N, C-alpha and C. Protein backbone atom coordinates (compact mmCIF):
# COMPACT_ATOMS: atom_id res chain seq x y z
N MET A 1 -1.97 -17.58 -22.44
CA MET A 1 -2.66 -16.58 -21.65
C MET A 1 -1.79 -15.34 -21.53
N ARG A 2 -2.44 -14.23 -21.44
CA ARG A 2 -1.75 -12.98 -21.20
C ARG A 2 -1.63 -12.75 -19.70
N GLU A 3 -0.72 -11.84 -19.34
CA GLU A 3 -0.48 -11.56 -17.93
C GLU A 3 -1.77 -11.16 -17.22
N GLN A 4 -2.56 -10.29 -17.84
CA GLN A 4 -3.80 -9.82 -17.20
C GLN A 4 -4.77 -10.97 -16.94
N GLU A 5 -4.81 -11.93 -17.84
CA GLU A 5 -5.71 -13.07 -17.66
C GLU A 5 -5.27 -13.95 -16.49
N ILE A 6 -3.97 -14.15 -16.37
CA ILE A 6 -3.46 -14.96 -15.26
C ILE A 6 -3.71 -14.26 -13.94
N VAL A 7 -3.41 -12.97 -13.88
CA VAL A 7 -3.62 -12.19 -12.66
C VAL A 7 -5.10 -12.16 -12.29
N ALA A 8 -5.97 -12.00 -13.28
CA ALA A 8 -7.42 -11.99 -13.01
C ALA A 8 -7.88 -13.34 -12.47
N ALA A 9 -7.34 -14.43 -13.01
CA ALA A 9 -7.71 -15.76 -12.53
C ALA A 9 -7.23 -15.98 -11.09
N VAL A 10 -6.02 -15.53 -10.78
CA VAL A 10 -5.51 -15.65 -9.41
C VAL A 10 -6.35 -14.79 -8.47
N ARG A 11 -6.66 -13.58 -8.90
CA ARG A 11 -7.47 -12.68 -8.07
C ARG A 11 -8.82 -13.30 -7.73
N LYS A 12 -9.47 -13.86 -8.75
CA LYS A 12 -10.79 -14.46 -8.54
C LYS A 12 -10.69 -15.71 -7.66
N THR A 13 -9.76 -16.59 -7.97
CA THR A 13 -9.63 -17.85 -7.23
C THR A 13 -9.26 -17.61 -5.77
N ALA A 14 -8.35 -16.66 -5.54
CA ALA A 14 -7.88 -16.40 -4.17
C ALA A 14 -8.76 -15.40 -3.43
N GLY A 15 -9.72 -14.78 -4.12
CA GLY A 15 -10.59 -13.81 -3.47
C GLY A 15 -9.85 -12.55 -3.05
N LEU A 16 -8.88 -12.13 -3.85
CA LEU A 16 -8.08 -10.94 -3.52
C LEU A 16 -8.79 -9.68 -3.98
N GLU A 17 -8.52 -8.58 -3.28
CA GLU A 17 -9.25 -7.34 -3.52
C GLU A 17 -8.84 -6.61 -4.79
N ASP A 18 -7.58 -6.72 -5.19
CA ASP A 18 -7.15 -5.96 -6.37
C ASP A 18 -6.12 -6.73 -7.18
N ALA A 19 -5.91 -6.26 -8.41
CA ALA A 19 -5.00 -6.93 -9.33
C ALA A 19 -3.55 -6.84 -8.87
N GLY A 20 -3.18 -5.76 -8.20
CA GLY A 20 -1.81 -5.63 -7.71
C GLY A 20 -1.46 -6.71 -6.70
N HIS A 21 -2.40 -6.97 -5.80
CA HIS A 21 -2.20 -8.03 -4.80
C HIS A 21 -2.10 -9.38 -5.50
N ALA A 22 -2.96 -9.62 -6.48
CA ALA A 22 -2.93 -10.89 -7.21
C ALA A 22 -1.62 -11.05 -7.97
N ALA A 23 -1.12 -9.98 -8.57
CA ALA A 23 0.15 -10.04 -9.29
C ALA A 23 1.29 -10.36 -8.34
N ASP A 24 1.29 -9.73 -7.16
CA ASP A 24 2.33 -10.00 -6.16
C ASP A 24 2.27 -11.45 -5.68
N ALA A 25 1.06 -11.95 -5.46
CA ALA A 25 0.89 -13.34 -5.01
C ALA A 25 1.37 -14.32 -6.09
N THR A 26 1.08 -14.01 -7.34
CA THR A 26 1.51 -14.85 -8.45
C THR A 26 3.02 -14.90 -8.53
N ARG A 27 3.65 -13.73 -8.47
CA ARG A 27 5.11 -13.66 -8.55
C ARG A 27 5.77 -14.37 -7.36
N ALA A 28 5.22 -14.18 -6.16
CA ALA A 28 5.78 -14.83 -4.97
C ALA A 28 5.71 -16.35 -5.11
N THR A 29 4.58 -16.84 -5.59
CA THR A 29 4.41 -18.29 -5.76
C THR A 29 5.38 -18.83 -6.79
N LEU A 30 5.52 -18.14 -7.92
CA LEU A 30 6.44 -18.59 -8.96
C LEU A 30 7.89 -18.53 -8.50
N THR A 31 8.24 -17.51 -7.73
CA THR A 31 9.61 -17.40 -7.21
C THR A 31 9.95 -18.59 -6.34
N VAL A 32 9.04 -18.95 -5.44
CA VAL A 32 9.28 -20.09 -4.54
C VAL A 32 9.29 -21.39 -5.34
N LEU A 33 8.38 -21.53 -6.28
CA LEU A 33 8.38 -22.72 -7.12
C LEU A 33 9.70 -22.85 -7.86
N GLY A 34 10.21 -21.73 -8.36
CA GLY A 34 11.50 -21.74 -9.06
C GLY A 34 12.65 -22.19 -8.17
N GLN A 35 12.57 -21.88 -6.88
CA GLN A 35 13.60 -22.33 -5.93
C GLN A 35 13.53 -23.84 -5.74
N ARG A 36 12.35 -24.38 -5.84
CA ARG A 36 12.12 -25.82 -5.60
C ARG A 36 12.50 -26.66 -6.82
N LEU A 37 12.32 -26.09 -8.01
CA LEU A 37 12.62 -26.82 -9.25
C LEU A 37 14.13 -26.88 -9.46
N ALA A 38 14.56 -27.89 -10.20
CA ALA A 38 16.00 -28.10 -10.41
C ALA A 38 16.40 -27.85 -11.86
N GLY A 39 17.67 -27.55 -12.03
CA GLY A 39 18.25 -27.41 -13.36
C GLY A 39 17.54 -26.38 -14.21
N GLY A 40 17.21 -26.76 -15.43
CA GLY A 40 16.58 -25.84 -16.37
C GLY A 40 15.07 -25.78 -16.28
N GLU A 41 14.48 -26.51 -15.31
CA GLU A 41 13.01 -26.53 -15.20
C GLU A 41 12.39 -25.15 -15.02
N PRO A 42 12.96 -24.26 -14.17
CA PRO A 42 12.36 -22.93 -14.05
C PRO A 42 12.37 -22.16 -15.37
N GLY A 43 13.46 -22.28 -16.11
CA GLY A 43 13.55 -21.61 -17.41
C GLY A 43 12.54 -22.17 -18.40
N ASP A 44 12.33 -23.48 -18.36
CA ASP A 44 11.33 -24.10 -19.23
C ASP A 44 9.93 -23.58 -18.91
N LEU A 45 9.62 -23.49 -17.62
CA LEU A 45 8.32 -22.96 -17.20
C LEU A 45 8.19 -21.49 -17.59
N ALA A 46 9.24 -20.71 -17.36
CA ALA A 46 9.22 -19.28 -17.70
C ALA A 46 8.96 -19.08 -19.18
N GLY A 47 9.47 -19.97 -20.00
CA GLY A 47 9.27 -19.87 -21.44
C GLY A 47 7.82 -20.00 -21.86
N GLN A 48 6.98 -20.51 -20.98
CA GLN A 48 5.56 -20.68 -21.28
C GLN A 48 4.69 -19.57 -20.69
N LEU A 49 5.33 -18.64 -19.98
CA LEU A 49 4.59 -17.57 -19.30
C LEU A 49 4.80 -16.24 -19.99
N PRO A 50 3.85 -15.32 -19.85
CA PRO A 50 4.00 -14.00 -20.46
C PRO A 50 5.01 -13.14 -19.71
N ALA A 51 5.55 -12.14 -20.43
CA ALA A 51 6.44 -11.16 -19.80
C ALA A 51 5.70 -10.53 -18.63
N GLY A 52 6.45 -10.14 -17.63
CA GLY A 52 5.85 -9.55 -16.44
C GLY A 52 5.61 -10.57 -15.35
N ILE A 53 5.44 -11.80 -15.75
CA ILE A 53 5.27 -12.89 -14.77
C ILE A 53 6.49 -13.80 -14.81
N LYS A 54 6.97 -14.08 -16.02
CA LYS A 54 8.07 -15.04 -16.13
C LYS A 54 9.36 -14.57 -15.46
N GLU A 55 9.49 -13.26 -15.24
CA GLU A 55 10.69 -12.74 -14.58
C GLU A 55 10.81 -13.22 -13.14
N ALA A 56 9.73 -13.74 -12.57
CA ALA A 56 9.77 -14.26 -11.20
C ALA A 56 10.56 -15.56 -11.11
N LEU A 57 10.80 -16.18 -12.25
CA LEU A 57 11.53 -17.45 -12.29
C LEU A 57 12.95 -17.22 -12.79
N SER A 58 13.92 -17.81 -12.12
CA SER A 58 15.29 -17.74 -12.60
C SER A 58 15.47 -18.75 -13.73
N ALA A 59 16.53 -18.60 -14.50
CA ALA A 59 16.77 -19.51 -15.62
C ALA A 59 17.06 -20.93 -15.15
N THR A 60 17.75 -21.04 -14.02
CA THR A 60 18.04 -22.35 -13.46
C THR A 60 17.61 -22.39 -12.01
N GLY A 61 17.24 -23.57 -11.55
CA GLY A 61 16.76 -23.72 -10.19
C GLY A 61 17.76 -24.40 -9.28
N GLU A 62 17.61 -24.12 -8.00
CA GLU A 62 18.47 -24.71 -6.98
C GLU A 62 18.10 -26.17 -6.72
N GLY A 63 16.84 -26.50 -6.96
CA GLY A 63 16.37 -27.82 -6.59
C GLY A 63 16.34 -27.97 -5.08
N ALA A 64 16.04 -26.85 -4.40
CA ALA A 64 16.01 -26.85 -2.93
C ALA A 64 14.99 -27.86 -2.43
N SER A 65 15.35 -28.52 -1.36
CA SER A 65 14.48 -29.52 -0.78
C SER A 65 13.78 -28.94 0.45
N PHE A 66 12.50 -28.66 0.30
CA PHE A 66 11.69 -28.22 1.43
C PHE A 66 10.26 -28.69 1.21
N GLY A 67 9.56 -28.85 2.31
CA GLY A 67 8.21 -29.37 2.26
C GLY A 67 7.16 -28.31 1.99
N VAL A 68 5.93 -28.74 2.00
CA VAL A 68 4.83 -27.86 1.65
C VAL A 68 4.66 -26.73 2.66
N GLU A 69 4.87 -26.99 3.94
CA GLU A 69 4.73 -25.93 4.95
C GLU A 69 5.76 -24.83 4.72
N GLU A 70 6.98 -25.22 4.38
CA GLU A 70 8.02 -24.23 4.08
C GLU A 70 7.69 -23.49 2.78
N PHE A 71 7.11 -24.19 1.82
CA PHE A 71 6.69 -23.55 0.58
C PHE A 71 5.70 -22.43 0.91
N TYR A 72 4.68 -22.75 1.71
CA TYR A 72 3.70 -21.74 2.10
C TYR A 72 4.36 -20.57 2.84
N ARG A 73 5.27 -20.87 3.75
CA ARG A 73 5.93 -19.82 4.52
C ARG A 73 6.70 -18.88 3.60
N ARG A 74 7.40 -19.45 2.63
CA ARG A 74 8.18 -18.63 1.70
C ARG A 74 7.26 -17.78 0.82
N VAL A 75 6.15 -18.34 0.39
CA VAL A 75 5.20 -17.55 -0.40
C VAL A 75 4.66 -16.40 0.45
N MET A 76 4.30 -16.69 1.70
CA MET A 76 3.79 -15.64 2.60
C MET A 76 4.81 -14.53 2.74
N ASP A 77 6.06 -14.88 2.97
CA ASP A 77 7.12 -13.89 3.14
C ASP A 77 7.31 -13.05 1.89
N GLY A 78 7.23 -13.67 0.73
CA GLY A 78 7.46 -12.96 -0.52
C GLY A 78 6.28 -12.17 -1.03
N GLU A 79 5.10 -12.53 -0.58
CA GLU A 79 3.88 -11.91 -1.09
C GLU A 79 3.73 -10.47 -0.64
N GLY A 80 4.06 -10.18 0.61
CA GLY A 80 4.12 -8.81 1.07
C GLY A 80 2.82 -8.10 1.38
N HIS A 81 1.72 -8.80 1.47
CA HIS A 81 0.43 -8.17 1.78
C HIS A 81 -0.17 -8.72 3.06
N GLY A 82 0.67 -9.20 3.95
CA GLY A 82 0.16 -9.74 5.21
C GLY A 82 -0.55 -11.07 5.06
N CYS A 83 -0.14 -11.83 4.07
CA CYS A 83 -0.73 -13.15 3.84
C CYS A 83 -0.44 -14.05 5.03
N THR A 84 -1.44 -14.83 5.43
CA THR A 84 -1.26 -15.81 6.49
C THR A 84 -1.00 -17.17 5.87
N GLN A 85 -0.55 -18.12 6.67
CA GLN A 85 -0.32 -19.45 6.14
C GLN A 85 -1.63 -20.08 5.67
N ASP A 86 -2.71 -19.85 6.40
CA ASP A 86 -4.00 -20.36 5.95
C ASP A 86 -4.41 -19.71 4.64
N GLY A 87 -4.14 -18.42 4.51
CA GLY A 87 -4.46 -17.72 3.27
C GLY A 87 -3.64 -18.21 2.10
N ALA A 88 -2.38 -18.56 2.35
CA ALA A 88 -1.53 -19.09 1.29
C ALA A 88 -2.00 -20.48 0.87
N ARG A 89 -2.55 -21.20 1.82
CA ARG A 89 -2.96 -22.58 1.58
C ARG A 89 -4.34 -22.67 0.94
N GLU A 90 -5.29 -21.90 1.43
CA GLU A 90 -6.68 -22.03 1.02
C GLU A 90 -7.29 -20.70 0.63
N PRO A 91 -7.76 -20.56 -0.60
CA PRO A 91 -8.50 -19.35 -0.96
C PRO A 91 -9.79 -19.26 -0.14
N PRO A 92 -10.31 -18.05 0.06
CA PRO A 92 -11.56 -17.91 0.81
C PRO A 92 -12.68 -18.76 0.20
N GLY A 93 -13.49 -19.35 1.05
CA GLY A 93 -14.64 -20.12 0.59
C GLY A 93 -14.32 -21.54 0.18
N ARG A 94 -13.07 -21.94 0.28
CA ARG A 94 -12.69 -23.31 -0.05
C ARG A 94 -12.19 -24.00 1.19
N SER A 95 -12.33 -25.29 1.21
CA SER A 95 -11.77 -26.04 2.33
C SER A 95 -11.13 -27.31 1.80
N SER A 96 -10.14 -27.76 2.52
CA SER A 96 -9.44 -28.99 2.13
C SER A 96 -10.29 -30.19 2.48
N PRO A 97 -10.26 -31.21 1.63
CA PRO A 97 -10.94 -32.45 2.02
C PRO A 97 -10.23 -33.06 3.21
N ARG A 98 -10.96 -33.57 4.14
CA ARG A 98 -10.37 -34.14 5.35
C ARG A 98 -10.36 -35.65 5.27
């Protein structure tokens, strides 16, 4: 996939208003995922992504241990568009199975 295709898919799935917001959300999510992955895993993932997105991942990961709530909080902080925890967790129009 090309960068524009990934950003368009994120924009549509998350119900975001513009491509810039979707690109920021994508990068924030990948950055936090890269912190969670260990060793060379972030670099391996980056190798499968197009330029412009793969830069969000470092070559090696910390393998940081944190749960899903902290993952969402870090994505919210990195996203920079006033994302809420509910927004990070659930795209508009979707709900979690209970």
